[in-house]
Amino acid sequence: MKKRSCIIATLFAAAMLFGTAEPAAAQSSTKNQKKSDSKKTLIVFYSWGGTTQGIARKIQQKLGCDMFEIELVKPYSTDYNTVLDEAQRDQRNQARPAIKNKVADFAKYDTIVLGYPNWWASIPMPIATFLESYDFDGKTVIPFCSNGGGRLGQSVSAITKLVPGASVKNPLSIYYSGGASLDSDLNKWLSKNGF
């Protein structure tokens, strides 16, 4: 009888051990899945004065994913009035300013969170250069646009035309650097886009 009780106790202890180990493994798998998902997302941004860069960094803190800054071979002027003229000239000419850096292994990313300032009611031409430099077929593009009141302008339709094989989802317009509501605005936007 003692022997039988001992065997039952051992079996019960083993069941308890395996019973508690299984949810931990499932939890670990869920955590790994979240890390894997964030690795499949890339934040790409072009920032002239640093505003869009600041917003991109806040998004990266929330998502924990990779980030890529578009840098030009020949940067625009640092003078505000001059850059307005340069930006308008490039849009008129549909210029494609050369980008000096490249995304390593772009194919591994499923989702591109794309940030830019609103220039003359559309995207800056470096964004066009970037979008035409990679294969976006089957990818998701989620735009965010910093602006001084022009909101998204025609930027989303410009992006959609440049990446017809991608799904362009819920964009976010951010007035200047976003102010006090930026954190909650980003949380709502990211949640709306499935993060």
N, C-alpha and C. Protein backbone atom coordinates (compact mmCIF):
# COMPACT_ATOMS: atom_id res chain seq x y z
N MET A 1 0.82 -1.19 0.00
CA MET A 1 0.00 0.00 0.00
C MET A 1 0.86 1.25 0.00
N LYS A 2 1.95 1.20 0.86
CA LYS A 2 2.86 2.34 0.91
C LYS A 2 3.51 2.56 -0.46
N LYS A 3 3.86 1.46 -1.10
CA LYS A 3 4.51 1.54 -2.40
C LYS A 3 3.60 2.20 -3.43
N ARG A 4 2.30 1.79 -3.40
CA ARG A 4 1.33 2.37 -4.33
C ARG A 4 1.15 3.87 -4.08
N SER A 5 1.07 4.28 -2.82
CA SER A 5 0.94 5.70 -2.46
C SER A 5 2.14 6.49 -2.94
N CYS A 6 3.31 5.88 -2.80
CA CYS A 6 4.55 6.53 -3.23
C CYS A 6 4.55 6.75 -4.74
N ILE A 7 4.11 5.74 -5.49
CA ILE A 7 4.05 5.84 -6.95
C ILE A 7 3.06 6.91 -7.36
N ILE A 8 1.88 6.93 -6.71
CA ILE A 8 0.86 7.94 -7.04
C ILE A 8 1.40 9.33 -6.74
N ALA A 9 2.06 9.49 -5.62
CA ALA A 9 2.63 10.80 -5.24
C ALA A 9 3.67 11.24 -6.27
N THR A 10 4.49 10.27 -6.73
CA THR A 10 5.51 10.59 -7.73
C THR A 10 4.87 11.01 -9.05
N LEU A 11 3.84 10.28 -9.46
CA LEU A 11 3.13 10.62 -10.70
C LEU A 11 2.45 11.98 -10.58
N PHE A 12 1.85 12.25 -9.40
CA PHE A 12 1.19 13.53 -9.18
C PHE A 12 2.21 14.67 -9.25
N ALA A 13 3.38 14.47 -8.63
CA ALA A 13 4.44 15.49 -8.65
C ALA A 13 4.92 15.72 -10.08
N ALA A 14 5.05 14.65 -10.85
CA ALA A 14 5.48 14.78 -12.25
C ALA A 14 4.43 15.54 -13.06
N ALA A 15 3.15 15.22 -12.82
CA ALA A 15 2.08 15.91 -13.53
C ALA A 15 2.09 17.40 -13.21
N MET A 16 2.29 17.71 -11.93
CA MET A 16 2.34 19.11 -11.51
C MET A 16 3.53 19.82 -12.17
N LEU A 17 4.66 19.13 -12.20
CA LEU A 17 5.85 19.72 -12.80
C LEU A 17 5.62 20.01 -14.27
N PHE A 18 5.11 19.03 -15.00
CA PHE A 18 4.88 19.23 -16.43
C PHE A 18 3.73 20.21 -16.67
N GLY A 19 2.75 20.18 -15.77
CA GLY A 19 1.62 21.09 -15.90
C GLY A 19 2.05 22.54 -15.78
N THR A 20 3.00 22.84 -14.89
CA THR A 20 3.43 24.23 -14.73
C THR A 20 4.46 24.60 -15.79
N ALA A 21 5.16 23.60 -16.31
CA ALA A 21 6.18 23.90 -17.32
C ALA A 21 5.55 24.28 -18.65
N GLU A 22 4.39 23.68 -18.95
CA GLU A 22 3.78 23.92 -20.25
C GLU A 22 3.36 25.38 -20.45
N PRO A 23 2.63 26.01 -19.50
CA PRO A 23 2.29 27.41 -19.70
C PRO A 23 3.52 28.30 -19.81
N ALA A 24 4.58 27.99 -19.05
CA ALA A 24 5.80 28.80 -19.13
C ALA A 24 6.37 28.73 -20.54
N ALA A 25 6.35 27.53 -21.13
CA ALA A 25 6.86 27.37 -22.49
C ALA A 25 5.98 28.16 -23.46
N ALA A 26 4.66 28.11 -23.21
CA ALA A 26 3.75 28.86 -24.08
C ALA A 26 3.99 30.36 -23.95
N GLN A 27 4.23 30.81 -22.68
CA GLN A 27 4.52 32.23 -22.46
C GLN A 27 5.80 32.61 -23.20
N SER A 28 6.81 31.78 -23.08
CA SER A 28 8.08 32.04 -23.74
C SER A 28 7.89 32.13 -25.25
N SER A 29 7.06 31.24 -25.78
CA SER A 29 6.78 31.24 -27.21
C SER A 29 6.09 32.54 -27.63
N THR A 30 5.15 33.02 -26.79
CA THR A 30 4.45 34.27 -27.08
C THR A 30 5.42 35.44 -27.07
N LYS A 31 6.32 35.47 -26.07
CA LYS A 31 7.32 36.54 -26.00
C LYS A 31 8.23 36.51 -27.22
N ASN A 32 8.66 35.30 -27.61
CA ASN A 32 9.51 35.17 -28.79
C ASN A 32 8.78 35.63 -30.04
N GLN A 33 7.46 35.34 -30.11
CA GLN A 33 6.67 35.76 -31.27
C GLN A 33 6.63 37.28 -31.35
N LYS A 34 6.44 37.96 -30.18
CA LYS A 34 6.41 39.42 -30.18
C LYS A 34 7.75 39.99 -30.63
N LYS A 35 8.85 39.40 -30.13
CA LYS A 35 10.18 39.86 -30.55
C LYS A 35 10.36 39.63 -32.05
N SER A 36 9.90 38.48 -32.53
CA SER A 36 10.02 38.16 -33.95
C SER A 36 9.21 39.15 -34.79
N ASP A 37 7.99 39.50 -34.32
CA ASP A 37 7.16 40.45 -35.05
C ASP A 37 7.82 41.81 -35.13
N SER A 38 8.42 42.27 -34.01
CA SER A 38 9.05 43.59 -34.01
C SER A 38 10.27 43.60 -34.93
N LYS A 39 10.93 42.45 -35.07
CA LYS A 39 12.09 42.38 -35.97
C LYS A 39 11.67 42.43 -37.43
N LYS A 40 10.40 42.14 -37.71
CA LYS A 40 9.91 42.17 -39.08
C LYS A 40 9.42 43.57 -39.46
N THR A 41 9.49 44.50 -38.52
CA THR A 41 9.07 45.88 -38.76
C THR A 41 10.29 46.77 -38.82
N LEU A 42 10.29 47.69 -39.79
CA LEU A 42 11.38 48.65 -39.94
C LEU A 42 10.80 50.06 -39.98
N ILE A 43 11.34 50.95 -39.16
CA ILE A 43 10.97 52.36 -39.22
C ILE A 43 11.96 53.03 -40.18
N VAL A 44 11.43 53.68 -41.20
CA VAL A 44 12.24 54.42 -42.16
C VAL A 44 11.79 55.86 -42.10
N PHE A 45 12.73 56.81 -42.05
CA PHE A 45 12.30 58.21 -42.02
C PHE A 45 13.30 59.11 -42.73
N TYR A 46 12.76 60.22 -43.23
CA TYR A 46 13.59 61.31 -43.73
C TYR A 46 13.23 62.52 -42.88
N SER A 47 14.25 63.18 -42.33
CA SER A 47 14.02 64.34 -41.46
C SER A 47 14.99 65.45 -41.83
N TRP A 48 14.45 66.61 -42.17
CA TRP A 48 15.31 67.73 -42.52
C TRP A 48 15.77 68.48 -41.26
N GLY A 49 14.84 68.83 -40.38
CA GLY A 49 15.19 69.64 -39.21
C GLY A 49 15.22 68.89 -37.90
N GLY A 50 14.96 67.59 -37.91
CA GLY A 50 15.02 66.79 -36.68
C GLY A 50 13.67 66.45 -36.08
N THR A 51 12.60 67.10 -36.53
CA THR A 51 11.27 66.83 -35.95
C THR A 51 10.82 65.40 -36.25
N THR A 52 10.88 65.00 -37.50
CA THR A 52 10.45 63.65 -37.88
C THR A 52 11.34 62.59 -37.22
N GLN A 53 12.62 62.90 -37.09
CA GLN A 53 13.55 61.98 -36.42
C GLN A 53 13.14 61.75 -34.97
N GLY A 54 12.77 62.83 -34.27
CA GLY A 54 12.34 62.71 -32.88
C GLY A 54 11.11 61.83 -32.73
N ILE A 55 10.17 61.97 -33.65
CA ILE A 55 8.96 61.15 -33.63
C ILE A 55 9.31 59.69 -33.92
N ALA A 56 10.18 59.47 -34.90
CA ALA A 56 10.61 58.11 -35.26
C ALA A 56 11.25 57.42 -34.05
N ARG A 57 12.05 58.15 -33.30
CA ARG A 57 12.69 57.56 -32.11
C ARG A 57 11.67 57.15 -31.05
N LYS A 58 10.62 57.97 -30.89
CA LYS A 58 9.57 57.62 -29.93
C LYS A 58 8.83 56.35 -30.37
N ILE A 59 8.60 56.23 -31.67
CA ILE A 59 7.95 55.02 -32.19
C ILE A 59 8.85 53.81 -31.97
N GLN A 60 10.15 53.98 -32.19
CA GLN A 60 11.08 52.88 -31.99
C GLN A 60 11.10 52.43 -30.53
N GLN A 61 11.01 53.38 -29.60
CA GLN A 61 10.97 53.02 -28.17
C GLN A 61 9.75 52.16 -27.87
N LYS A 62 8.65 52.43 -28.54
CA LYS A 62 7.43 51.68 -28.31
C LYS A 62 7.46 50.30 -28.96
N LEU A 63 8.05 50.21 -30.16
CA LEU A 63 8.02 48.95 -30.91
C LEU A 63 9.27 48.09 -30.72
N GLY A 64 10.39 48.72 -30.39
CA GLY A 64 11.63 47.96 -30.23
C GLY A 64 12.14 47.35 -31.53
N CYS A 65 11.83 47.98 -32.65
CA CYS A 65 12.24 47.42 -33.94
C CYS A 65 13.41 48.20 -34.53
N ASP A 66 13.87 47.75 -35.69
CA ASP A 66 14.98 48.41 -36.37
C ASP A 66 14.54 49.77 -36.94
N MET A 67 15.53 50.64 -37.16
CA MET A 67 15.23 51.97 -37.70
C MET A 67 16.29 52.34 -38.73
N PHE A 68 15.86 53.07 -39.76
CA PHE A 68 16.75 53.47 -40.85
C PHE A 68 16.48 54.93 -41.20
N GLU A 69 17.51 55.75 -41.19
CA GLU A 69 17.37 57.15 -41.59
C GLU A 69 17.84 57.33 -43.03
N ILE A 70 17.00 57.95 -43.83
CA ILE A 70 17.37 58.27 -45.22
C ILE A 70 18.30 59.48 -45.18
N GLU A 71 19.52 59.29 -45.68
CA GLU A 71 20.50 60.37 -45.75
C GLU A 71 20.88 60.59 -47.21
N LEU A 72 21.03 61.84 -47.58
CA LEU A 72 21.29 62.17 -48.98
C LEU A 72 22.78 62.31 -49.28
N VAL A 73 23.16 61.94 -50.49
CA VAL A 73 24.52 62.15 -50.97
C VAL A 73 24.82 63.65 -50.97
N LYS A 74 23.85 64.42 -51.47
CA LYS A 74 23.97 65.88 -51.48
C LYS A 74 22.81 66.46 -50.68
N PRO A 75 23.01 66.74 -49.38
CA PRO A 75 21.92 67.21 -48.53
C PRO A 75 21.34 68.55 -49.00
N TYR A 76 20.10 68.76 -48.63
CA TYR A 76 19.46 70.05 -48.88
C TYR A 76 20.12 71.12 -48.01
N SER A 77 19.88 72.37 -48.36
CA SER A 77 20.41 73.49 -47.59
C SER A 77 19.91 73.45 -46.14
N THR A 78 20.71 73.99 -45.25
CA THR A 78 20.28 74.08 -43.85
C THR A 78 19.46 75.34 -43.59
N ASP A 79 19.37 76.22 -44.59
CA ASP A 79 18.59 77.44 -44.48
C ASP A 79 17.14 77.14 -44.86
N TYR A 80 16.20 77.51 -44.00
CA TYR A 80 14.79 77.17 -44.19
C TYR A 80 14.23 77.69 -45.52
N ASN A 81 14.44 78.96 -45.81
CA ASN A 81 13.89 79.54 -47.05
C ASN A 81 14.49 78.89 -48.29
N THR A 82 15.78 78.58 -48.22
CA THR A 82 16.44 77.93 -49.36
C THR A 82 15.91 76.52 -49.57
N VAL A 83 15.72 75.80 -48.47
CA VAL A 83 15.25 74.41 -48.60
C VAL A 83 13.83 74.38 -49.16
N LEU A 84 13.02 75.38 -48.85
CA LEU A 84 11.67 75.44 -49.45
C LEU A 84 11.76 75.51 -50.97
N ASP A 85 12.67 76.36 -51.45
CA ASP A 85 12.86 76.49 -52.90
C ASP A 85 13.40 75.19 -53.50
N GLU A 86 14.37 74.57 -52.83
CA GLU A 86 14.96 73.32 -53.33
C GLU A 86 13.92 72.20 -53.37
N ALA A 87 13.10 72.13 -52.33
CA ALA A 87 12.08 71.09 -52.27
C ALA A 87 11.05 71.28 -53.38
N GLN A 88 10.64 72.52 -53.59
CA GLN A 88 9.66 72.80 -54.65
C GLN A 88 10.24 72.50 -56.03
N ARG A 89 11.50 72.86 -56.23
CA ARG A 89 12.19 72.57 -57.51
C ARG A 89 12.22 71.06 -57.76
N ASP A 90 12.61 70.28 -56.72
CA ASP A 90 12.70 68.83 -56.88
C ASP A 90 11.34 68.20 -57.16
N GLN A 91 10.29 68.72 -56.52
CA GLN A 91 8.95 68.18 -56.78
C GLN A 91 8.51 68.51 -58.21
N ARG A 92 8.76 69.72 -58.62
CA ARG A 92 8.39 70.13 -59.98
C ARG A 92 9.07 69.25 -61.03
N ASN A 93 10.35 68.93 -60.78
CA ASN A 93 11.14 68.12 -61.71
C ASN A 93 11.01 66.62 -61.48
N GLN A 94 10.22 66.24 -60.46
CA GLN A 94 10.11 64.83 -60.06
C GLN A 94 11.51 64.22 -59.90
N ALA A 95 12.38 64.99 -59.23
CA ALA A 95 13.77 64.57 -59.00
C ALA A 95 13.81 63.37 -58.06
N ARG A 96 14.89 62.63 -58.15
CA ARG A 96 15.14 61.51 -57.24
C ARG A 96 16.53 61.71 -56.64
N PRO A 97 16.63 62.50 -55.56
CA PRO A 97 17.93 62.75 -54.94
C PRO A 97 18.59 61.43 -54.51
N ALA A 98 19.88 61.33 -54.74
CA ALA A 98 20.61 60.09 -54.41
C ALA A 98 20.71 59.91 -52.90
N ILE A 99 20.44 58.68 -52.46
CA ILE A 99 20.55 58.31 -51.04
C ILE A 99 21.89 57.64 -50.83
N LYS A 100 22.59 58.03 -49.76
CA LYS A 100 23.94 57.50 -49.57
C LYS A 100 24.01 56.19 -48.78
N ASN A 101 22.92 55.77 -48.19
CA ASN A 101 22.95 54.53 -47.40
C ASN A 101 21.88 53.56 -47.89
N LYS A 102 22.02 52.29 -47.51
CA LYS A 102 21.08 51.25 -47.95
C LYS A 102 20.62 50.42 -46.75
N VAL A 103 19.39 49.91 -46.86
CA VAL A 103 18.87 49.00 -45.84
C VAL A 103 19.46 47.62 -46.10
N ALA A 104 20.10 47.05 -45.09
CA ALA A 104 20.63 45.69 -45.22
C ALA A 104 19.48 44.70 -45.11
N ASP A 105 19.40 43.78 -46.04
CA ASP A 105 18.42 42.70 -46.03
C ASP A 105 16.98 43.23 -45.92
N PHE A 106 16.62 44.14 -46.81
CA PHE A 106 15.28 44.74 -46.81
C PHE A 106 14.18 43.68 -46.91
N ALA A 107 14.45 42.59 -47.61
CA ALA A 107 13.43 41.56 -47.84
C ALA A 107 12.90 40.94 -46.55
N LYS A 108 13.67 41.00 -45.47
CA LYS A 108 13.21 40.36 -44.22
C LYS A 108 12.12 41.14 -43.51
N TYR A 109 11.89 42.38 -43.91
CA TYR A 109 10.87 43.21 -43.25
C TYR A 109 9.52 43.09 -43.95
N ASP A 110 8.48 42.88 -43.15
CA ASP A 110 7.12 42.79 -43.68
C ASP A 110 6.41 44.14 -43.64
N THR A 111 6.74 44.95 -42.61
CA THR A 111 6.05 46.21 -42.37
C THR A 111 7.06 47.35 -42.32
N ILE A 112 6.77 48.41 -43.07
CA ILE A 112 7.63 49.59 -43.08
C ILE A 112 6.81 50.75 -42.51
N VAL A 113 7.26 51.29 -41.37
CA VAL A 113 6.65 52.48 -40.78
C VAL A 113 7.44 53.65 -41.37
N LEU A 114 6.78 54.48 -42.17
CA LEU A 114 7.46 55.47 -43.00
C LEU A 114 7.17 56.90 -42.55
N GLY A 115 8.23 57.62 -42.14
CA GLY A 115 8.06 58.98 -41.64
C GLY A 115 8.71 60.03 -42.52
N TYR A 116 8.06 61.19 -42.60
CA TYR A 116 8.55 62.27 -43.46
C TYR A 116 7.84 63.56 -43.08
N PRO A 117 8.43 64.71 -43.42
CA PRO A 117 7.72 65.98 -43.27
C PRO A 117 6.84 66.23 -44.50
N ASN A 118 5.79 67.00 -44.33
CA ASN A 118 4.94 67.42 -45.45
C ASN A 118 5.67 68.57 -46.15
N TRP A 119 6.10 68.32 -47.38
CA TRP A 119 6.74 69.37 -48.17
C TRP A 119 5.85 69.67 -49.36
N TRP A 120 5.36 70.90 -49.42
CA TRP A 120 4.51 71.34 -50.51
C TRP A 120 3.36 70.36 -50.74
N ALA A 121 2.71 69.99 -49.63
CA ALA A 121 1.51 69.13 -49.64
C ALA A 121 1.76 67.70 -50.13
N SER A 122 3.01 67.25 -50.11
CA SER A 122 3.29 65.88 -50.52
C SER A 122 4.55 65.36 -49.80
N ILE A 123 5.10 64.28 -50.34
CA ILE A 123 6.31 63.70 -49.76
C ILE A 123 7.55 64.45 -50.25
N PRO A 124 8.60 64.50 -49.44
CA PRO A 124 9.88 64.99 -49.95
C PRO A 124 10.39 63.99 -50.99
N MET A 125 11.09 64.46 -51.99
CA MET A 125 11.55 63.57 -53.06
C MET A 125 12.52 62.48 -52.60
N PRO A 126 13.27 62.66 -51.49
CA PRO A 126 14.07 61.53 -51.01
C PRO A 126 13.22 60.31 -50.65
N ILE A 127 11.98 60.55 -50.23
CA ILE A 127 11.07 59.43 -49.94
C ILE A 127 10.75 58.68 -51.23
N ALA A 128 10.54 59.42 -52.31
CA ALA A 128 10.29 58.78 -53.61
C ALA A 128 11.48 57.94 -54.04
N THR A 129 12.69 58.49 -53.86
CA THR A 129 13.91 57.72 -54.20
C THR A 129 13.92 56.41 -53.41
N PHE A 130 13.66 56.50 -52.11
CA PHE A 130 13.69 55.31 -51.25
C PHE A 130 12.65 54.28 -51.71
N LEU A 131 11.43 54.73 -51.93
CA LEU A 131 10.36 53.80 -52.30
C LEU A 131 10.63 53.09 -53.62
N GLU A 132 11.31 53.77 -54.54
CA GLU A 132 11.62 53.16 -55.83
C GLU A 132 12.88 52.30 -55.80
N SER A 133 13.58 52.32 -54.68
CA SER A 133 14.86 51.59 -54.58
C SER A 133 14.71 50.16 -54.07
N TYR A 134 13.52 49.79 -53.61
CA TYR A 134 13.32 48.47 -53.00
C TYR A 134 12.03 47.84 -53.53
N ASP A 135 11.94 46.53 -53.37
CA ASP A 135 10.75 45.78 -53.78
C ASP A 135 9.74 45.79 -52.61
N PHE A 136 8.63 46.47 -52.79
CA PHE A 136 7.61 46.59 -51.75
C PHE A 136 6.44 45.62 -51.95
N ASP A 137 6.50 44.78 -52.96
CA ASP A 137 5.39 43.86 -53.21
C ASP A 137 5.10 43.01 -51.98
N GLY A 138 3.84 43.01 -51.55
CA GLY A 138 3.42 42.20 -50.41
C GLY A 138 3.71 42.82 -49.05
N LYS A 139 4.35 43.97 -49.03
CA LYS A 139 4.68 44.61 -47.74
C LYS A 139 3.56 45.56 -47.32
N THR A 140 3.58 45.92 -46.04
CA THR A 140 2.66 46.90 -45.49
C THR A 140 3.44 48.17 -45.21
N VAL A 141 2.90 49.31 -45.65
CA VAL A 141 3.53 50.61 -45.40
C VAL A 141 2.57 51.42 -44.53
N ILE A 142 3.09 51.93 -43.41
CA ILE A 142 2.29 52.71 -42.48
C ILE A 142 2.94 54.09 -42.35
N PRO A 143 2.35 55.12 -43.00
CA PRO A 143 2.97 56.45 -43.01
C PRO A 143 2.68 57.29 -41.76
N PHE A 144 3.66 58.11 -41.38
CA PHE A 144 3.41 59.19 -40.43
C PHE A 144 4.08 60.44 -40.96
N CYS A 145 3.39 61.57 -40.83
CA CYS A 145 3.81 62.81 -41.47
C CYS A 145 3.81 63.97 -40.48
N SER A 146 4.96 64.58 -40.28
CA SER A 146 5.02 65.80 -39.45
C SER A 146 4.72 66.99 -40.35
N ASN A 147 3.97 67.95 -39.83
CA ASN A 147 3.56 69.07 -40.67
C ASN A 147 3.25 70.30 -39.84
N GLY A 148 3.21 71.44 -40.51
CA GLY A 148 2.90 72.70 -39.86
C GLY A 148 1.47 73.14 -40.07
N GLY A 149 0.60 72.23 -40.44
CA GLY A 149 -0.80 72.55 -40.65
C GLY A 149 -1.36 71.97 -41.93
N GLY A 150 -0.49 71.49 -42.82
CA GLY A 150 -0.94 70.91 -44.09
C GLY A 150 -1.39 69.47 -43.96
N ARG A 151 -1.32 68.93 -42.75
CA ARG A 151 -1.70 67.54 -42.47
C ARG A 151 -1.00 66.57 -43.43
N LEU A 152 -1.72 65.59 -43.95
CA LEU A 152 -1.09 64.59 -44.84
C LEU A 152 -0.97 65.09 -46.27
N GLY A 153 -1.72 66.14 -46.61
CA GLY A 153 -1.70 66.64 -47.98
C GLY A 153 -2.02 65.51 -48.95
N GLN A 154 -1.25 65.41 -50.02
CA GLN A 154 -1.42 64.34 -51.01
C GLN A 154 -0.35 63.26 -50.85
N SER A 155 0.29 63.25 -49.68
CA SER A 155 1.43 62.34 -49.48
C SER A 155 1.04 60.87 -49.54
N VAL A 156 -0.10 60.51 -48.99
CA VAL A 156 -0.49 59.09 -48.98
C VAL A 156 -0.77 58.59 -50.39
N SER A 157 -1.44 59.41 -51.21
CA SER A 157 -1.68 58.98 -52.60
C SER A 157 -0.37 58.91 -53.38
N ALA A 158 0.59 59.80 -53.08
CA ALA A 158 1.90 59.74 -53.74
C ALA A 158 2.62 58.44 -53.38
N ILE A 159 2.56 58.06 -52.12
CA ILE A 159 3.20 56.82 -51.66
C ILE A 159 2.54 55.62 -52.34
N THR A 160 1.21 55.61 -52.34
CA THR A 160 0.45 54.49 -52.92
C THR A 160 0.81 54.28 -54.40
N LYS A 161 0.98 55.38 -55.12
CA LYS A 161 1.35 55.27 -56.54
C LYS A 161 2.75 54.70 -56.73
N LEU A 162 3.65 55.01 -55.79
CA LEU A 162 5.04 54.55 -55.92
C LEU A 162 5.24 53.10 -55.49
N VAL A 163 4.34 52.57 -54.67
CA VAL A 163 4.45 51.17 -54.22
C VAL A 163 3.12 50.45 -54.44
N PRO A 164 2.72 50.27 -55.70
CA PRO A 164 1.40 49.69 -55.99
C PRO A 164 1.22 48.26 -55.47
N GLY A 165 2.30 47.54 -55.25
CA GLY A 165 2.19 46.17 -54.74
C GLY A 165 2.12 46.07 -53.24
N ALA A 166 2.16 47.22 -52.55
CA ALA A 166 2.13 47.23 -51.08
C ALA A 166 0.74 47.63 -50.59
N SER A 167 0.48 47.31 -49.34
CA SER A 167 -0.75 47.74 -48.68
C SER A 167 -0.40 48.97 -47.84
N VAL A 168 -0.97 50.12 -48.16
CA VAL A 168 -0.70 51.35 -47.40
C VAL A 168 -1.83 51.52 -46.40
N LYS A 169 -1.46 51.49 -45.11
CA LYS A 169 -2.47 51.50 -44.04
C LYS A 169 -2.51 52.82 -43.29
N ASN A 170 -3.48 52.92 -42.40
CA ASN A 170 -3.78 54.05 -41.53
C ASN A 170 -2.64 55.02 -41.25
N PRO A 171 -2.58 56.15 -41.98
CA PRO A 171 -1.51 57.13 -41.76
C PRO A 171 -1.78 58.00 -40.53
N LEU A 172 -0.75 58.68 -40.08
CA LEU A 172 -0.89 59.60 -38.94
C LEU A 172 -0.30 60.95 -39.31
N SER A 173 -1.10 62.00 -39.11
CA SER A 173 -0.64 63.38 -39.29
C SER A 173 -0.26 63.92 -37.92
N ILE A 174 0.96 64.46 -37.81
CA ILE A 174 1.44 65.00 -36.53
C ILE A 174 1.78 66.47 -36.71
N TYR A 175 1.09 67.31 -35.97
CA TYR A 175 1.31 68.76 -36.04
C TYR A 175 2.63 69.10 -35.35
N TYR A 176 3.58 69.61 -36.14
CA TYR A 176 4.94 69.89 -35.67
C TYR A 176 5.51 68.66 -34.97
N SER A 177 5.89 68.76 -33.69
CA SER A 177 6.50 67.60 -33.01
C SER A 177 5.48 66.82 -32.17
N GLY A 178 4.20 67.18 -32.27
CA GLY A 178 3.16 66.39 -31.62
C GLY A 178 2.65 66.92 -30.30
N GLY A 179 3.45 67.72 -29.61
CA GLY A 179 3.02 68.31 -28.35
C GLY A 179 2.76 67.28 -27.26
N ALA A 180 1.96 67.70 -26.28
CA ALA A 180 1.71 66.87 -25.09
C ALA A 180 0.92 65.60 -25.40
N SER A 181 0.17 65.59 -26.48
CA SER A 181 -0.65 64.41 -26.79
C SER A 181 0.08 63.37 -27.65
N LEU A 182 1.34 63.63 -27.99
CA LEU A 182 2.04 62.74 -28.92
C LEU A 182 2.05 61.29 -28.45
N ASP A 183 2.36 61.07 -27.20
CA ASP A 183 2.47 59.70 -26.68
C ASP A 183 1.15 58.94 -26.85
N SER A 184 0.04 59.55 -26.43
CA SER A 184 -1.25 58.87 -26.56
C SER A 184 -1.68 58.76 -28.02
N ASP A 185 -1.36 59.77 -28.83
CA ASP A 185 -1.68 59.71 -30.27
C ASP A 185 -0.94 58.55 -30.94
N LEU A 186 0.33 58.38 -30.58
CA LEU A 186 1.12 57.27 -31.15
C LEU A 186 0.56 55.93 -30.70
N ASN A 187 0.19 55.82 -29.42
CA ASN A 187 -0.37 54.56 -28.91
C ASN A 187 -1.64 54.18 -29.66
N LYS A 188 -2.54 55.14 -29.86
CA LYS A 188 -3.80 54.87 -30.57
C LYS A 188 -3.53 54.47 -32.02
N TRP A 189 -2.63 55.19 -32.66
CA TRP A 189 -2.29 54.93 -34.06
C TRP A 189 -1.66 53.55 -34.23
N LEU A 190 -0.71 53.22 -33.35
CA LEU A 190 -0.05 51.91 -33.43
C LEU A 190 -1.06 50.78 -33.19
N SER A 191 -1.95 51.00 -32.22
CA SER A 191 -2.98 49.99 -31.94
C SER A 191 -3.90 49.80 -33.15
N LYS A 192 -4.26 50.91 -33.78
CA LYS A 192 -5.13 50.86 -34.98
C LYS A 192 -4.46 50.10 -36.11
N ASN A 193 -3.12 50.11 -36.12
CA ASN A 193 -2.37 49.40 -37.16
C ASN A 193 -1.91 48.01 -36.73
N GLY A 194 -2.47 47.52 -35.62
CA GLY A 194 -2.24 46.14 -35.22
C GLY A 194 -1.01 45.88 -34.37
N PHE A 195 -0.40 46.93 -33.81
CA PHE A 195 0.76 46.73 -32.93
C PHE A 195 0.32 46.63 -31.48
